[in-house]
């Protein structure tokens, strides 16, 4: 099978598996992205996420993570929904965490796709990843032609905005590669920078996690600094503000994945219910949810703040 034929099979199988976008690139080093990442770390923008200081070489070079790697299949899955109707003034949870944890859903879909590909191409071997290993997913997505990185540092896809989960399959065969996306997708627009309540998005083109609402409500341990009081915009897990104001997301279409629908058990919760949340209730309503990642104590801290 030629590289072009291999790519054709991969993309047809990816769409049949339910993915919205598929691009393919080589497994070589992401040298320029690696240099930018190291500079970001030197600035201390990663805050308490010390794990980002580990495996930097592998993060910048998929072939070091998977020694037999030749190509990287980059998949995107839409998770967009209209503002959660269950919030109605209650504590706000980011759209990406409304339903079943995307790690579970994406990994199942990626493994299913890999199995389908191996049936059609017996010599193909691969490993699946979705935010579960040191891979520069956005950089790979740009290189695979899926879109460009915006001022909010998110991937702005050609097909409609940034509400997409990314996943990868690193394979041992050489395919025909897509043309990397180029150009500035934002122009003079600064809506995301202007709308960020904590000024986490810098005009120089990077995000300081230490000021990001998503970081503060998920990754940060200890008390949230007082300088951010009144600035979290009622967010208790993650944040969609920079995506909500982005013109690229005006073209976003609703997802087609039932697992991403909001958990309706939250609909009956009142403000009093939220602020008297018990560990048992937290475990019940956020079982198999990305919200469980922060844990009960951090979630309650966010509610108090």
C-alpha atoms as a PDB file:
ATOM      1  CA  UNK A   1       0.000   0.000   0.000  1.00  0.00           C
ATOM      2  CA  UNK A   2       1.427   3.385  -1.005  1.00  0.00           C
ATOM      3  CA  UNK A   3       1.607   6.334   1.449  1.00  0.00           C
ATOM      4  CA  UNK A   4      -1.239   8.028  -0.458  1.00  0.00           C
ATOM      5  CA  UNK A   5      -3.415   4.901  -0.289  1.00  0.00           C
ATOM      6  CA  UNK A   6      -2.634   4.520   3.414  1.00  0.00           C
ATOM      7  CA  UNK A   7      -3.715   8.094   4.126  1.00  0.00           C
ATOM      8  CA  UNK A   8      -6.914   7.604   2.173  1.00  0.00           C
ATOM      9  CA  UNK A   9      -7.828   4.495   4.181  1.00  0.00           C
ATOM     10  CA  UNK A  10      -6.999   6.211   7.484  1.00  0.00           C
ATOM     11  CA  UNK A  11      -9.182   9.242   6.767  1.00  0.00           C
ATOM     12  CA  UNK A  12     -12.143   7.211   5.570  1.00  0.00           C
ATOM     13  CA  UNK A  13     -11.976   4.994   8.652  1.00  0.00           C
ATOM     14  CA  UNK A  14     -11.608   8.034  10.939  1.00  0.00           C
ATOM     15  CA  UNK A  15     -14.776   9.653   9.616  1.00  0.00           C
ATOM     16  CA  UNK A  16     -16.610   6.326   9.796  1.00  0.00           C
ATOM     17  CA  UNK A  17     -15.529   6.053  13.450  1.00  0.00           C
ATOM     18  CA  UNK A  18     -17.250   9.346  14.238  1.00  0.00           C
ATOM     19  CA  UNK A  19     -14.323  11.753  14.306  1.00  0.00           C
ATOM     20  CA  UNK A  20     -14.973  15.184  12.832  1.00  0.00           C
ATOM     21  CA  UNK A  21     -11.468  15.937  11.574  1.00  0.00           C
ATOM     22  CA  UNK A  22      -8.422  13.879  10.629  1.00  0.00           C
ATOM     23  CA  UNK A  23      -4.972  15.000   9.548  1.00  0.00           C
ATOM     24  CA  UNK A  24      -1.678  13.155   9.226  1.00  0.00           C
ATOM     25  CA  UNK A  25       1.852  14.385   9.751  1.00  0.00           C
ATOM     26  CA  UNK A  26       5.320  12.938  10.232  1.00  0.00           C
ATOM     27  CA  UNK A  27       6.622  11.929  13.644  1.00  0.00           C
ATOM     28  CA  UNK A  28       9.649  14.213  13.496  1.00  0.00           C
ATOM     29  CA  UNK A  29      10.856  16.761  16.020  1.00  0.00           C
ATOM     30  CA  UNK A  30       8.805  19.898  16.675  1.00  0.00           C
ATOM     31  CA  UNK A  31      11.898  22.031  17.092  1.00  0.00           C
ATOM     32  CA  UNK A  32      10.401  25.545  16.979  1.00  0.00           C
ATOM     33  CA  UNK A  33       7.494  24.580  19.221  1.00  0.00           C
ATOM     34  CA  UNK A  34       9.936  23.012  21.648  1.00  0.00           C
ATOM     35  CA  UNK A  35      11.940  26.234  21.905  1.00  0.00           C
ATOM     36  CA  UNK A  36       8.757  28.224  22.590  1.00  0.00           C
ATOM     37  CA  UNK A  37       7.673  25.694  25.207  1.00  0.00           C
ATOM     38  CA  UNK A  38      10.995  25.910  27.038  1.00  0.00           C
ATOM     39  CA  UNK A  39      10.758  29.714  27.088  1.00  0.00           C
ATOM     40  CA  UNK A  40       7.234  29.453  28.516  1.00  0.00           C
ATOM     41  CA  UNK A  41       8.528  27.183  31.277  1.00  0.00           C
ATOM     42  CA  UNK A  42      11.421  29.552  32.014  1.00  0.00           C
ATOM     43  CA  UNK A  43       8.898  32.354  32.540  1.00  0.00           C
ATOM     44  CA  UNK A  44       7.209  30.197  35.171  1.00  0.00           C
ATOM     45  CA  UNK A  45       3.898  30.330  33.329  1.00  0.00           C
ATOM     46  CA  UNK A  46       3.162  26.690  34.164  1.00  0.00           C
ATOM     47  CA  UNK A  47       2.646  27.512  37.836  1.00  0.00           C
ATOM     48  CA  UNK A  48       2.450  24.385  39.985  1.00  0.00           C
ATOM     49  CA  UNK A  49       2.259  21.987  37.015  1.00  0.00           C
ATOM     50  CA  UNK A  50       5.779  20.663  37.603  1.00  0.00           C
ATOM     51  CA  UNK A  51       5.060  17.556  35.510  1.00  0.00           C
ATOM     52  CA  UNK A  52       5.463  19.783  32.451  1.00  0.00           C
ATOM     53  CA  UNK A  53       9.180  20.006  33.233  1.00  0.00           C
ATOM     54  CA  UNK A  54       9.497  16.261  32.667  1.00  0.00           C
ATOM     55  CA  UNK A  55      10.035  14.434  29.364  1.00  0.00           C
ATOM     56  CA  UNK A  56      10.525  17.672  27.417  1.00  0.00           C
ATOM     57  CA  UNK A  57      12.528  15.948  24.680  1.00  0.00           C
ATOM     58  CA  UNK A  58       9.797  13.335  24.204  1.00  0.00           C
ATOM     59  CA  UNK A  59       7.120  16.025  24.269  1.00  0.00           C
ATOM     60  CA  UNK A  60       8.799  17.729  21.327  1.00  0.00           C
ATOM     61  CA  UNK A  61       9.566  14.564  19.378  1.00  0.00           C
ATOM     62  CA  UNK A  62       6.959  11.766  18.987  1.00  0.00           C
ATOM     63  CA  UNK A  63       9.594   9.397  17.630  1.00  0.00           C
ATOM     64  CA  UNK A  64      11.276   9.426  21.060  1.00  0.00           C
ATOM     65  CA  UNK A  65       7.984   8.580  22.755  1.00  0.00           C
ATOM     66  CA  UNK A  66       7.253   5.758  20.303  1.00  0.00           C
ATOM     67  CA  UNK A  67      10.597   4.542  18.868  1.00  0.00           C
ATOM     68  CA  UNK A  68       9.127   2.886  15.763  1.00  0.00           C
ATOM     69  CA  UNK A  69       7.025   5.947  14.942  1.00  0.00           C
ATOM     70  CA  UNK A  70       6.837   7.179  11.355  1.00  0.00           C
ATOM     71  CA  UNK A  71       3.537   9.078  11.256  1.00  0.00           C
ATOM     72  CA  UNK A  72       1.059  10.747  13.605  1.00  0.00           C
ATOM     73  CA  UNK A  73      -2.662  10.602  12.899  1.00  0.00           C
ATOM     74  CA  UNK A  74      -4.321  13.609  14.555  1.00  0.00           C
ATOM     75  CA  UNK A  75      -8.056  13.344  15.253  1.00  0.00           C
ATOM     76  CA  UNK A  76     -10.517  15.976  16.433  1.00  0.00           C
ATOM     77  CA  UNK A  77     -13.928  15.431  17.997  1.00  0.00           C
ATOM     78  CA  UNK A  78     -16.466  18.227  18.394  1.00  0.00           C
ATOM     79  CA  UNK A  79     -17.903  18.767  21.899  1.00  0.00           C
ATOM     80  CA  UNK A  80     -19.716  22.071  21.359  1.00  0.00           C
ATOM     81  CA  UNK A  81     -23.114  22.645  22.934  1.00  0.00           C
ATOM     82  CA  UNK A  82     -25.107  25.765  23.629  1.00  0.00           C
ATOM     83  CA  UNK A  83     -24.528  27.240  27.108  1.00  0.00           C
ATOM     84  CA  UNK A  84     -25.391  24.575  29.666  1.00  0.00           C
ATOM     85  CA  UNK A  85     -29.131  24.991  30.364  1.00  0.00           C
ATOM     86  CA  UNK A  86     -28.534  23.483  33.773  1.00  0.00           C
ATOM     87  CA  UNK A  87     -26.431  26.422  34.948  1.00  0.00           C
ATOM     88  CA  UNK A  88     -29.112  29.169  34.983  1.00  0.00           C
ATOM     89  CA  UNK A  89     -27.071  31.309  37.360  1.00  0.00           C
ATOM     90  CA  UNK A  90     -25.656  28.391  39.323  1.00  0.00           C
ATOM     91  CA  UNK A  91     -21.916  27.636  39.496  1.00  0.00           C
ATOM     92  CA  UNK A  92     -20.614  27.245  35.950  1.00  0.00           C
ATOM     93  CA  UNK A  93     -18.714  24.190  34.740  1.00  0.00           C
ATOM     94  CA  UNK A  94     -16.839  24.312  31.451  1.00  0.00           C
ATOM     95  CA  UNK A  95     -18.590  22.706  28.480  1.00  0.00           C
ATOM     96  CA  UNK A  96     -15.856  20.133  28.049  1.00  0.00           C
ATOM     97  CA  UNK A  97     -16.685  18.681  31.465  1.00  0.00           C
ATOM     98  CA  UNK A  98     -20.485  18.650  31.072  1.00  0.00           C
ATOM     99  CA  UNK A  99     -20.773  14.955  30.295  1.00  0.00           C
ATOM    100  CA  UNK A 100     -18.630  11.831  30.487  1.00  0.00           C
ATOM    101  CA  UNK A 101     -14.898  12.458  30.870  1.00  0.00           C
ATOM    102  CA  UNK A 102     -13.492  13.013  27.384  1.00  0.00           C
ATOM    103  CA  UNK A 103     -10.435  10.914  28.196  1.00  0.00           C
ATOM    104  CA  UNK A 104     -12.727   7.888  28.461  1.00  0.00           C
ATOM    105  CA  UNK A 105     -14.731   8.674  25.320  1.00  0.00           C
ATOM    106  CA  UNK A 106     -11.764   9.660  23.155  1.00  0.00           C
ATOM    107  CA  UNK A 107      -9.633   6.713  24.190  1.00  0.00           C
ATOM    108  CA  UNK A 108     -12.437   4.271  23.360  1.00  0.00           C
ATOM    109  CA  UNK A 109     -12.917   5.850  19.940  1.00  0.00           C
ATOM    110  CA  UNK A 110      -9.175   5.933  19.238  1.00  0.00           C
ATOM    111  CA  UNK A 111      -8.724   2.284  20.212  1.00  0.00           C
ATOM    112  CA  UNK A 112     -11.698   1.309  18.060  1.00  0.00           C
ATOM    113  CA  UNK A 113     -10.246   3.199  15.099  1.00  0.00           C
ATOM    114  CA  UNK A 114      -6.820   1.598  15.587  1.00  0.00           C
ATOM    115  CA  UNK A 115      -8.420  -1.860  15.645  1.00  0.00           C
ATOM    116  CA  UNK A 116     -10.292  -1.105  12.399  1.00  0.00           C
ATOM    117  CA  UNK A 117      -7.113   0.105  10.741  1.00  0.00           C
ATOM    118  CA  UNK A 118      -5.163  -2.994  11.786  1.00  0.00           C
ATOM    119  CA  UNK A 119      -7.843  -5.225  10.252  1.00  0.00           C
ATOM    120  CA  UNK A 120      -7.443  -3.441   6.926  1.00  0.00           C
ATOM    121  CA  UNK A 121      -3.655  -2.968   7.210  1.00  0.00           C
ATOM    122  CA  UNK A 122      -2.150  -5.948   9.105  1.00  0.00           C
ATOM    123  CA  UNK A 123       1.370  -4.483   9.113  1.00  0.00           C
ATOM    124  CA  UNK A 124       0.204  -1.337  10.927  1.00  0.00           C
ATOM    125  CA  UNK A 125       1.099  -0.950  14.591  1.00  0.00           C
ATOM    126  CA  UNK A 126       0.310   2.049  16.731  1.00  0.00           C
ATOM    127  CA  UNK A 127      -0.329   3.656  20.110  1.00  0.00           C
ATOM    128  CA  UNK A 128      -3.211   5.963  21.020  1.00  0.00           C
ATOM    129  CA  UNK A 129      -2.968   9.163  23.045  1.00  0.00           C
ATOM    130  CA  UNK A 130      -5.379  11.814  24.234  1.00  0.00           C
ATOM    131  CA  UNK A 131      -3.926  14.282  26.713  1.00  0.00           C
ATOM    132  CA  UNK A 132      -2.417  11.249  28.427  1.00  0.00           C
ATOM    133  CA  UNK A 133       1.248  11.476  27.446  1.00  0.00           C
ATOM    134  CA  UNK A 134       3.847  14.172  26.768  1.00  0.00           C
ATOM    135  CA  UNK A 135       2.756  15.060  23.232  1.00  0.00           C
ATOM    136  CA  UNK A 136       2.380  18.593  21.863  1.00  0.00           C
ATOM    137  CA  UNK A 137      -1.129  17.980  20.585  1.00  0.00           C
ATOM    138  CA  UNK A 138      -1.947  21.465  19.302  1.00  0.00           C
ATOM    139  CA  UNK A 139       1.369  21.752  17.491  1.00  0.00           C
ATOM    140  CA  UNK A 140       0.808  18.366  15.850  1.00  0.00           C
ATOM    141  CA  UNK A 141      -2.720  19.392  14.859  1.00  0.00           C
ATOM    142  CA  UNK A 142      -1.395  22.547  13.179  1.00  0.00           C
ATOM    143  CA  UNK A 143       1.307  20.516  11.437  1.00  0.00           C
ATOM    144  CA  UNK A 144      -1.346  18.030  10.274  1.00  0.00           C
ATOM    145  CA  UNK A 145      -3.383  20.840   8.739  1.00  0.00           C
ATOM    146  CA  UNK A 146      -6.357  20.793  11.115  1.00  0.00           C
ATOM    147  CA  UNK A 147      -6.176  24.497  11.937  1.00  0.00           C
ATOM    148  CA  UNK A 148      -4.100  27.289  13.422  1.00  0.00           C
ATOM    149  CA  UNK A 149      -3.373  28.432  16.941  1.00  0.00           C
ATOM    150  CA  UNK A 150      -5.217  31.580  17.983  1.00  0.00           C
ATOM    151  CA  UNK A 151      -4.303  34.361  20.383  1.00  0.00           C
ATOM    152  CA  UNK A 152      -6.073  32.425  23.139  1.00  0.00           C
ATOM    153  CA  UNK A 153      -3.508  29.639  22.390  1.00  0.00           C
ATOM    154  CA  UNK A 154      -6.289  27.227  21.375  1.00  0.00           C
ATOM    155  CA  UNK A 155      -6.504  25.397  18.075  1.00  0.00           C
ATOM    156  CA  UNK A 156      -8.899  27.225  15.745  1.00  0.00           C
ATOM    157  CA  UNK A 157      -9.998  24.584  13.275  1.00  0.00           C
ATOM    158  CA  UNK A 158     -10.740  25.373   9.656  1.00  0.00           C
ATOM    159  CA  UNK A 159     -14.133  23.716   9.940  1.00  0.00           C
ATOM    160  CA  UNK A 160     -15.508  25.775  12.802  1.00  0.00           C
ATOM    161  CA  UNK A 161     -13.892  27.034  15.965  1.00  0.00           C
ATOM    162  CA  UNK A 162     -12.100  25.588  18.933  1.00  0.00           C
ATOM    163  CA  UNK A 163     -14.592  23.331  20.715  1.00  0.00           C
ATOM    164  CA  UNK A 164     -12.763  20.128  19.769  1.00  0.00           C
ATOM    165  CA  UNK A 165     -11.009  17.405  21.714  1.00  0.00           C
ATOM    166  CA  UNK A 166      -7.755  16.159  20.193  1.00  0.00           C
ATOM    167  CA  UNK A 167      -6.384  12.646  20.083  1.00  0.00           C
ATOM    168  CA  UNK A 168      -3.501  10.957  18.294  1.00  0.00           C
ATOM    169  CA  UNK A 169      -2.488   7.584  16.940  1.00  0.00           C
ATOM    170  CA  UNK A 170       1.244   7.248  16.429  1.00  0.00           C
ATOM    171  CA  UNK A 171       1.915   4.565  13.815  1.00  0.00           C
ATOM    172  CA  UNK A 172       4.871   2.684  12.363  1.00  0.00           C
ATOM    173  CA  UNK A 173       4.101   3.356   8.691  1.00  0.00           C
ATOM    174  CA  UNK A 174       4.860   6.312   6.450  1.00  0.00           C
ATOM    175  CA  UNK A 175       1.757   8.008   5.057  1.00  0.00           C
ATOM    176  CA  UNK A 176       1.068  10.924   2.758  1.00  0.00           C
ATOM    177  CA  UNK A 177       1.182  14.003   4.944  1.00  0.00           C
ATOM    178  CA  UNK A 178      -1.153  16.961   5.033  1.00  0.00           C
ATOM    179  CA  UNK A 179       0.043  20.499   4.453  1.00  0.00           C
ATOM    180  CA  UNK A 180       0.579  22.386   7.727  1.00  0.00           C
ATOM    181  CA  UNK A 181      -1.849  25.203   8.420  1.00  0.00           C
ATOM    182  CA  UNK A 182      -0.243  28.636   8.080  1.00  0.00           C
ATOM    183  CA  UNK A 183      -1.134  32.271   8.599  1.00  0.00           C
ATOM    184  CA  UNK A 184      -2.614  34.318  11.413  1.00  0.00           C
ATOM    185  CA  UNK A 185      -6.230  33.292  12.138  1.00  0.00           C
ATOM    186  CA  UNK A 186      -6.916  36.278  14.379  1.00  0.00           C
ATOM    187  CA  UNK A 187      -5.661  39.378  12.576  1.00  0.00           C
ATOM    188  CA  UNK A 188      -6.301  42.490  14.665  1.00  0.00           C
ATOM    189  CA  UNK A 189      -9.014  40.820  16.784  1.00  0.00           C
ATOM    190  CA  UNK A 190      -8.308  40.910  20.539  1.00  0.00           C
ATOM    191  CA  UNK A 191     -11.700  39.812  21.868  1.00  0.00           C
ATOM    192  CA  UNK A 192     -10.289  36.904  23.877  1.00  0.00           C
ATOM    193  CA  UNK A 193      -7.575  39.071  25.428  1.00  0.00           C
ATOM    194  CA  UNK A 194     -10.073  41.801  26.320  1.00  0.00           C
ATOM    195  CA  UNK A 195     -12.686  39.400  27.728  1.00  0.00           C
ATOM    196  CA  UNK A 196     -10.410  37.384  30.020  1.00  0.00           C
ATOM    197  CA  UNK A 197     -11.345  38.537  33.558  1.00  0.00           C
ATOM    198  CA  UNK A 198      -7.944  37.632  34.997  1.00  0.00           C
ATOM    199  CA  UNK A 199      -5.806  38.888  32.094  1.00  0.00           C
ATOM    200  CA  UNK A 200      -4.222  35.472  31.590  1.00  0.00           C
ATOM    201  CA  UNK A 201      -3.930  35.842  27.796  1.00  0.00           C
ATOM    202  CA  UNK A 202      -0.923  37.963  26.930  1.00  0.00           C
ATOM    203  CA  UNK A 203      -0.725  40.150  23.829  1.00  0.00           C
ATOM    204  CA  UNK A 204       2.756  38.722  23.214  1.00  0.00           C
ATOM    205  CA  UNK A 205       1.078  35.459  22.192  1.00  0.00           C
ATOM    206  CA  UNK A 206       1.125  33.203  25.228  1.00  0.00           C
ATOM    207  CA  UNK A 207      -1.049  32.293  28.196  1.00  0.00           C
ATOM    208  CA  UNK A 208       0.111  32.614  31.797  1.00  0.00           C
ATOM    209  CA  UNK A 209      -1.504  29.640  33.496  1.00  0.00           C
ATOM    210  CA  UNK A 210      -1.019  31.203  36.911  1.00  0.00           C
ATOM    211  CA  UNK A 211      -3.775  33.694  36.068  1.00  0.00           C
ATOM    212  CA  UNK A 212      -6.005  31.373  34.037  1.00  0.00           C
ATOM    213  CA  UNK A 213      -9.393  30.498  35.546  1.00  0.00           C
ATOM    214  CA  UNK A 214      -9.066  26.912  34.296  1.00  0.00           C
ATOM    215  CA  UNK A 215      -5.728  26.550  36.075  1.00  0.00           C
ATOM    216  CA  UNK A 216      -6.947  28.256  39.250  1.00  0.00           C
ATOM    217  CA  UNK A 217     -10.031  26.020  39.524  1.00  0.00           C
ATOM    218  CA  UNK A 218      -8.409  22.707  38.544  1.00  0.00           C
ATOM    219  CA  UNK A 219      -4.622  22.599  38.880  1.00  0.00           C
ATOM    220  CA  UNK A 220      -3.904  25.127  41.646  1.00  0.00           C
ATOM    221  CA  UNK A 221      -3.658  23.768  45.168  1.00  0.00           C
ATOM    222  CA  UNK A 222      -4.102  25.780  48.328  1.00  0.00           C
ATOM    223  CA  UNK A 223      -6.288  28.863  48.520  1.00  0.00           C
ATOM    224  CA  UNK A 224      -6.971  30.912  45.382  1.00  0.00           C
ATOM    225  CA  UNK A 225      -5.054  34.226  45.660  1.00  0.00           C
ATOM    226  CA  UNK A 226      -7.191  37.129  46.846  1.00  0.00           C
ATOM    227  CA  UNK A 227      -6.245  39.171  43.777  1.00  0.00           C
ATOM    228  CA  UNK A 228      -8.667  36.997  41.790  1.00  0.00           C
ATOM    229  CA  UNK A 229     -11.662  37.432  44.101  1.00  0.00           C
ATOM    230  CA  UNK A 230     -14.672  38.568  42.108  1.00  0.00           C
ATOM    231  CA  UNK A 231     -12.952  37.727  38.803  1.00  0.00           C
ATOM    232  CA  UNK A 232     -13.826  34.065  38.282  1.00  0.00           C
ATOM    233  CA  UNK A 233     -17.170  34.931  36.665  1.00  0.00           C
ATOM    234  CA  UNK A 234     -18.975  32.207  38.637  1.00  0.00           C
ATOM    235  CA  UNK A 235     -16.713  29.508  37.175  1.00  0.00           C
ATOM    236  CA  UNK A 236     -16.016  26.568  39.479  1.00  0.00           C
ATOM    237  CA  UNK A 237     -14.358  24.155  37.036  1.00  0.00           C
ATOM    238  CA  UNK A 238     -12.625  25.363  33.900  1.00  0.00           C
ATOM    239  CA  UNK A 239     -13.557  28.346  31.752  1.00  0.00           C
ATOM    240  CA  UNK A 240     -14.957  28.966  28.256  1.00  0.00           C
ATOM    241  CA  UNK A 241     -14.867  32.766  28.187  1.00  0.00           C
ATOM    242  CA  UNK A 242     -12.102  33.120  25.585  1.00  0.00           C
ATOM    243  CA  UNK A 243     -13.912  30.580  23.398  1.00  0.00           C
ATOM    244  CA  UNK A 244     -17.352  32.114  23.862  1.00  0.00           C
ATOM    245  CA  UNK A 245     -16.212  35.507  22.545  1.00  0.00           C
ATOM    246  CA  UNK A 246     -14.124  34.120  19.670  1.00  0.00           C
ATOM    247  CA  UNK A 247     -15.607  34.963  16.230  1.00  0.00           C
ATOM    248  CA  UNK A 248     -14.413  31.594  14.913  1.00  0.00           C
ATOM    249  CA  UNK A 249     -16.866  29.853  17.229  1.00  0.00           C
ATOM    250  CA  UNK A 250     -19.881  31.565  15.702  1.00  0.00           C
ATOM    251  CA  UNK A 251     -19.821  28.739  13.150  1.00  0.00           C
ATOM    252  CA  UNK A 252     -19.685  25.982  15.785  1.00  0.00           C
ATOM    253  CA  UNK A 253     -22.229  23.206  15.373  1.00  0.00           C
ATOM    254  CA  UNK A 254     -23.642  20.977  18.132  1.00  0.00           C
ATOM    255  CA  UNK A 255     -21.725  17.784  18.830  1.00  0.00           C
ATOM    256  CA  UNK A 256     -23.042  14.344  17.843  1.00  0.00           C
ATOM    257  CA  UNK A 257     -21.790  12.411  20.882  1.00  0.00           C
ATOM    258  CA  UNK A 258     -24.462  11.491  23.467  1.00  0.00           C
ATOM    259  CA  UNK A 259     -21.815  10.988  26.159  1.00  0.00           C
ATOM    260  CA  UNK A 260     -20.999  14.709  26.013  1.00  0.00           C
ATOM    261  CA  UNK A 261     -24.549  15.783  26.912  1.00  0.00           C
ATOM    262  CA  UNK A 262     -24.835  17.496  30.341  1.00  0.00           C
ATOM    263  CA  UNK A 263     -25.678  15.291  33.295  1.00  0.00           C
ATOM    264  CA  UNK A 264     -29.286  16.127  34.099  1.00  0.00           C
ATOM    265  CA  UNK A 265     -28.851  15.299  37.770  1.00  0.00           C
ATOM    266  CA  UNK A 266     -27.369  18.767  38.160  1.00  0.00           C
ATOM    267  CA  UNK A 267     -30.625  20.342  36.933  1.00  0.00           C
ATOM    268  CA  UNK A 268     -32.404  19.806  40.238  1.00  0.00           C
ATOM    269  CA  UNK A 269     -29.632  21.336  42.339  1.00  0.00           C
ATOM    270  CA  UNK A 270     -30.327  24.693  43.960  1.00  0.00           C
ATOM    271  CA  UNK A 271     -27.761  27.230  45.150  1.00  0.00           C
ATOM    272  CA  UNK A 272     -28.182  25.797  48.641  1.00  0.00           C
ATOM    273  CA  UNK A 273     -27.548  22.274  47.324  1.00  0.00           C
ATOM    274  CA  UNK A 274     -24.300  23.399  45.703  1.00  0.00           C
ATOM    275  CA  UNK A 275     -23.000  25.077  48.819  1.00  0.00           C
ATOM    276  CA  UNK A 276     -23.924  22.153  51.074  1.00  0.00           C
ATOM    277  CA  UNK A 277     -22.403  19.606  48.717  1.00  0.00           C
ATOM    278  CA  UNK A 278     -21.198  16.455  50.475  1.00  0.00           C
ATOM    279  CA  UNK A 279     -18.373  14.154  49.345  1.00  0.00           C
ATOM    280  CA  UNK A 280     -20.957  11.457  48.608  1.00  0.00           C
ATOM    281  CA  UNK A 281     -23.078  13.764  46.433  1.00  0.00           C
ATOM    282  CA  UNK A 282     -19.966  15.024  44.639  1.00  0.00           C
ATOM    283  CA  UNK A 283     -18.904  11.456  43.843  1.00  0.00           C
ATOM    284  CA  UNK A 284     -22.401  10.610  42.657  1.00  0.00           C
ATOM    285  CA  UNK A 285     -23.037  13.477  40.243  1.00  0.00           C
ATOM    286  CA  UNK A 286     -19.461  13.662  38.925  1.00  0.00           C
ATOM    287  CA  UNK A 287     -18.732   9.946  38.540  1.00  0.00           C
ATOM    288  CA  UNK A 288     -16.978   9.407  35.165  1.00  0.00           C
ATOM    289  CA  UNK A 289     -16.754  13.197  34.775  1.00  0.00           C
ATOM    290  CA  UNK A 290     -13.617  15.281  34.233  1.00  0.00           C
ATOM    291  CA  UNK A 291     -14.732  17.296  37.277  1.00  0.00           C
ATOM    292  CA  UNK A 292     -13.686  14.404  39.500  1.00  0.00           C
ATOM    293  CA  UNK A 293     -10.099  15.258  38.551  1.00  0.00           C
ATOM    294  CA  UNK A 294      -9.936  18.255  40.889  1.00  0.00           C
ATOM    295  CA  UNK A 295     -11.465  16.331  43.813  1.00  0.00           C
ATOM    296  CA  UNK A 296     -14.093  17.271  46.347  1.00  0.00           C
ATOM    297  CA  UNK A 297     -11.945  19.596  48.481  1.00  0.00           C
ATOM    298  CA  UNK A 298     -10.811  21.731  45.545  1.00  0.00           C
ATOM    299  CA  UNK A 299     -14.308  21.872  44.086  1.00  0.00           C
ATOM    300  CA  UNK A 300     -15.750  23.068  47.407  1.00  0.00           C
ATOM    301  CA  UNK A 301     -12.936  25.616  47.673  1.00  0.00           C
ATOM    302  CA  UNK A 302     -13.964  26.936  44.264  1.00  0.00           C
ATOM    303  CA  UNK A 303     -17.607  27.140  45.341  1.00  0.00           C
ATOM    304  CA  UNK A 304     -16.636  29.116  48.439  1.00  0.00           C
ATOM    305  CA  UNK A 305     -14.429  31.492  46.472  1.00  0.00           C
END
